Protein backbone atom coordinates (compact mmCIF):
# COMPACT_ATOMS: atom_id res chain seq x y z
CA UNK A 1 0.00 0.00 0.00
CA UNK A 2 2.84 2.42 0.81
CA UNK A 3 4.41 1.75 -2.58
CA UNK A 4 1.11 2.47 -4.32
CA UNK A 5 0.60 5.72 -2.43
CA UNK A 6 4.19 6.78 -3.13
CA UNK A 7 3.72 6.14 -6.85
CA UNK A 8 0.45 8.09 -6.86
CA UNK A 9 2.11 11.03 -5.13
CA UNK A 10 4.65 11.31 -7.94
CA UNK A 11 1.99 11.38 -10.67
CA UNK A 12 0.18 14.41 -12.11
CA UNK A 13 -3.39 14.73 -10.76
CA UNK A 14 -5.11 13.31 -13.84
CA UNK A 15 -7.44 10.33 -13.59
CA UNK A 16 -7.18 7.93 -16.52
CA UNK A 17 -8.45 4.37 -16.79
CA UNK A 18 -4.87 3.23 -17.38
CA UNK A 19 -3.52 4.91 -14.23
CA UNK A 20 -6.38 3.76 -12.02
CA UNK A 21 -6.16 0.29 -13.58
CA UNK A 22 -2.48 0.06 -12.57
CA UNK A 23 -3.38 1.17 -9.06
CA UNK A 24 -6.11 -1.47 -8.90
CA UNK A 25 -3.64 -4.13 -10.02
CA UNK A 26 -1.18 -3.09 -7.32
CA UNK A 27 -3.95 -3.32 -4.72
CA UNK A 28 -5.02 -6.73 -6.03
CA UNK A 29 -8.41 -5.39 -7.18
CA UNK A 30 -10.10 -5.76 -10.56
CA UNK A 31 -12.72 -3.53 -12.19
CA UNK A 32 -14.66 -3.42 -15.45
CA UNK A 33 -12.91 -1.14 -17.97
CA UNK A 34 -16.10 0.76 -18.87
CA UNK A 35 -16.96 1.39 -15.21
CA UNK A 36 -13.40 2.56 -14.60
CA UNK A 37 -13.66 5.00 -17.53
CA UNK A 38 -16.95 6.33 -16.10
CA UNK A 39 -15.29 6.83 -12.71
CA UNK A 40 -12.44 8.75 -14.36
CA UNK A 41 -14.96 11.01 -16.11
CA UNK A 42 -16.63 11.66 -12.76
CA UNK A 43 -13.28 12.53 -11.18
CA UNK A 44 -12.44 14.88 -14.08
CA UNK A 45 -15.85 16.56 -13.79
CA UNK A 46 -15.26 17.16 -10.09
CA UNK A 47 -11.78 18.54 -10.77
CA UNK A 48 -13.16 20.99 -13.34
CA UNK A 49 -15.97 22.05 -11.00
CA UNK A 50 -13.46 23.74 -8.66
CA UNK A 51 -15.27 22.14 -5.74
CA UNK A 52 -13.24 22.31 -2.51
CA UNK A 53 -10.90 19.31 -2.33
CA UNK A 54 -12.42 17.70 0.80
CA UNK A 55 -15.89 17.71 -0.79
CA UNK A 56 -14.57 16.43 -4.12
CA UNK A 57 -12.70 13.62 -2.33
CA UNK A 58 -15.85 12.68 -0.43
CA UNK A 59 -17.85 12.64 -3.68
CA UNK A 60 -15.26 10.40 -5.35
CA UNK A 61 -15.24 8.01 -2.40
CA UNK A 62 -19.04 7.92 -2.37
CA UNK A 63 -19.13 7.14 -6.11
CA UNK A 64 -16.61 4.32 -5.74
CA UNK A 65 -18.50 2.74 -2.86
CA UNK A 66 -21.82 3.15 -4.72
CA UNK A 67 -20.35 1.40 -7.76
CA UNK A 68 -18.45 -1.28 -5.84
CA UNK A 69 -19.22 -1.50 -2.10
CA UNK A 70 -16.42 -4.07 -1.68
CA UNK A 71 -13.80 -1.55 -2.93
CA UNK A 72 -13.62 0.78 0.04
CA UNK A 73 -9.81 0.62 -0.22
CA UNK A 74 -9.94 2.13 -3.71
CA UNK A 75 -12.29 4.83 -2.43
CA UNK A 76 -9.55 5.92 -0.04
CA UNK A 77 -6.80 5.82 -2.67
CA UNK A 78 -8.81 7.45 -5.49
CA UNK A 79 -9.97 10.32 -3.36
C-alpha atoms as a PDB file:
ATOM      1  CA  UNK A   1       0.000   0.000   0.000  1.00  0.00           C
ATOM      2  CA  UNK A   2       2.843   2.416   0.811  1.00  0.00           C
ATOM      3  CA  UNK A   3       4.409   1.754  -2.578  1.00  0.00           C
ATOM      4  CA  UNK A   4       1.113   2.469  -4.325  1.00  0.00           C
ATOM      5  CA  UNK A   5       0.602   5.721  -2.432  1.00  0.00           C
ATOM      6  CA  UNK A   6       4.185   6.779  -3.129  1.00  0.00           C
ATOM      7  CA  UNK A   7       3.718   6.144  -6.850  1.00  0.00           C
ATOM      8  CA  UNK A   8       0.450   8.092  -6.860  1.00  0.00           C
ATOM      9  CA  UNK A   9       2.115  11.030  -5.127  1.00  0.00           C
ATOM     10  CA  UNK A  10       4.649  11.305  -7.944  1.00  0.00           C
ATOM     11  CA  UNK A  11       1.988  11.377 -10.674  1.00  0.00           C
ATOM     12  CA  UNK A  12       0.185  14.410 -12.105  1.00  0.00           C
ATOM     13  CA  UNK A  13      -3.386  14.730 -10.762  1.00  0.00           C
ATOM     14  CA  UNK A  14      -5.109  13.309 -13.845  1.00  0.00           C
ATOM     15  CA  UNK A  15      -7.436  10.329 -13.589  1.00  0.00           C
ATOM     16  CA  UNK A  16      -7.180   7.931 -16.517  1.00  0.00           C
ATOM     17  CA  UNK A  17      -8.450   4.369 -16.786  1.00  0.00           C
ATOM     18  CA  UNK A  18      -4.869   3.227 -17.379  1.00  0.00           C
ATOM     19  CA  UNK A  19      -3.517   4.913 -14.225  1.00  0.00           C
ATOM     20  CA  UNK A  20      -6.376   3.759 -12.018  1.00  0.00           C
ATOM     21  CA  UNK A  21      -6.156   0.292 -13.578  1.00  0.00           C
ATOM     22  CA  UNK A  22      -2.484   0.062 -12.569  1.00  0.00           C
ATOM     23  CA  UNK A  23      -3.378   1.175  -9.055  1.00  0.00           C
ATOM     24  CA  UNK A  24      -6.109  -1.471  -8.904  1.00  0.00           C
ATOM     25  CA  UNK A  25      -3.638  -4.129 -10.021  1.00  0.00           C
ATOM     26  CA  UNK A  26      -1.180  -3.090  -7.320  1.00  0.00           C
ATOM     27  CA  UNK A  27      -3.946  -3.324  -4.723  1.00  0.00           C
ATOM     28  CA  UNK A  28      -5.025  -6.734  -6.034  1.00  0.00           C
ATOM     29  CA  UNK A  29      -8.412  -5.390  -7.180  1.00  0.00           C
ATOM     30  CA  UNK A  30     -10.103  -5.758 -10.562  1.00  0.00           C
ATOM     31  CA  UNK A  31     -12.719  -3.528 -12.186  1.00  0.00           C
ATOM     32  CA  UNK A  32     -14.657  -3.418 -15.448  1.00  0.00           C
ATOM     33  CA  UNK A  33     -12.910  -1.135 -17.967  1.00  0.00           C
ATOM     34  CA  UNK A  34     -16.104   0.761 -18.870  1.00  0.00           C
ATOM     35  CA  UNK A  35     -16.960   1.390 -15.214  1.00  0.00           C
ATOM     36  CA  UNK A  36     -13.405   2.557 -14.598  1.00  0.00           C
ATOM     37  CA  UNK A  37     -13.659   4.998 -17.526  1.00  0.00           C
ATOM     38  CA  UNK A  38     -16.948   6.328 -16.097  1.00  0.00           C
ATOM     39  CA  UNK A  39     -15.292   6.832 -12.708  1.00  0.00           C
ATOM     40  CA  UNK A  40     -12.437   8.752 -14.362  1.00  0.00           C
ATOM     41  CA  UNK A  41     -14.963  11.006 -16.109  1.00  0.00           C
ATOM     42  CA  UNK A  42     -16.633  11.664 -12.759  1.00  0.00           C
ATOM     43  CA  UNK A  43     -13.281  12.530 -11.182  1.00  0.00           C
ATOM     44  CA  UNK A  44     -12.440  14.875 -14.075  1.00  0.00           C
ATOM     45  CA  UNK A  45     -15.853  16.560 -13.787  1.00  0.00           C
ATOM     46  CA  UNK A  46     -15.256  17.158 -10.091  1.00  0.00           C
ATOM     47  CA  UNK A  47     -11.776  18.541 -10.775  1.00  0.00           C
ATOM     48  CA  UNK A  48     -13.163  20.987 -13.343  1.00  0.00           C
ATOM     49  CA  UNK A  49     -15.969  22.054 -10.997  1.00  0.00           C
ATOM     50  CA  UNK A  50     -13.462  23.739  -8.661  1.00  0.00           C
ATOM     51  CA  UNK A  51     -15.271  22.136  -5.736  1.00  0.00           C
ATOM     52  CA  UNK A  52     -13.237  22.311  -2.513  1.00  0.00           C
ATOM     53  CA  UNK A  53     -10.903  19.307  -2.333  1.00  0.00           C
ATOM     54  CA  UNK A  54     -12.421  17.697   0.797  1.00  0.00           C
ATOM     55  CA  UNK A  55     -15.886  17.709  -0.790  1.00  0.00           C
ATOM     56  CA  UNK A  56     -14.569  16.432  -4.119  1.00  0.00           C
ATOM     57  CA  UNK A  57     -12.705  13.623  -2.330  1.00  0.00           C
ATOM     58  CA  UNK A  58     -15.851  12.676  -0.435  1.00  0.00           C
ATOM     59  CA  UNK A  59     -17.847  12.644  -3.681  1.00  0.00           C
ATOM     60  CA  UNK A  60     -15.256  10.403  -5.352  1.00  0.00           C
ATOM     61  CA  UNK A  61     -15.238   8.006  -2.400  1.00  0.00           C
ATOM     62  CA  UNK A  62     -19.040   7.920  -2.367  1.00  0.00           C
ATOM     63  CA  UNK A  63     -19.128   7.145  -6.110  1.00  0.00           C
ATOM     64  CA  UNK A  64     -16.607   4.316  -5.745  1.00  0.00           C
ATOM     65  CA  UNK A  65     -18.504   2.738  -2.855  1.00  0.00           C
ATOM     66  CA  UNK A  66     -21.823   3.146  -4.718  1.00  0.00           C
ATOM     67  CA  UNK A  67     -20.350   1.399  -7.764  1.00  0.00           C
ATOM     68  CA  UNK A  68     -18.449  -1.283  -5.840  1.00  0.00           C
ATOM     69  CA  UNK A  69     -19.216  -1.501  -2.100  1.00  0.00           C
ATOM     70  CA  UNK A  70     -16.417  -4.065  -1.683  1.00  0.00           C
ATOM     71  CA  UNK A  71     -13.802  -1.552  -2.932  1.00  0.00           C
ATOM     72  CA  UNK A  72     -13.618   0.785   0.039  1.00  0.00           C
ATOM     73  CA  UNK A  73      -9.813   0.622  -0.219  1.00  0.00           C
ATOM     74  CA  UNK A  74      -9.939   2.126  -3.709  1.00  0.00           C
ATOM     75  CA  UNK A  75     -12.286   4.831  -2.429  1.00  0.00           C
ATOM     76  CA  UNK A  76      -9.549   5.922  -0.036  1.00  0.00           C
ATOM     77  CA  UNK A  77      -6.799   5.821  -2.668  1.00  0.00           C
ATOM     78  CA  UNK A  78      -8.808   7.449  -5.486  1.00  0.00           C
ATOM     79  CA  UNK A  79      -9.966  10.319  -3.364  1.00  0.00           C
END
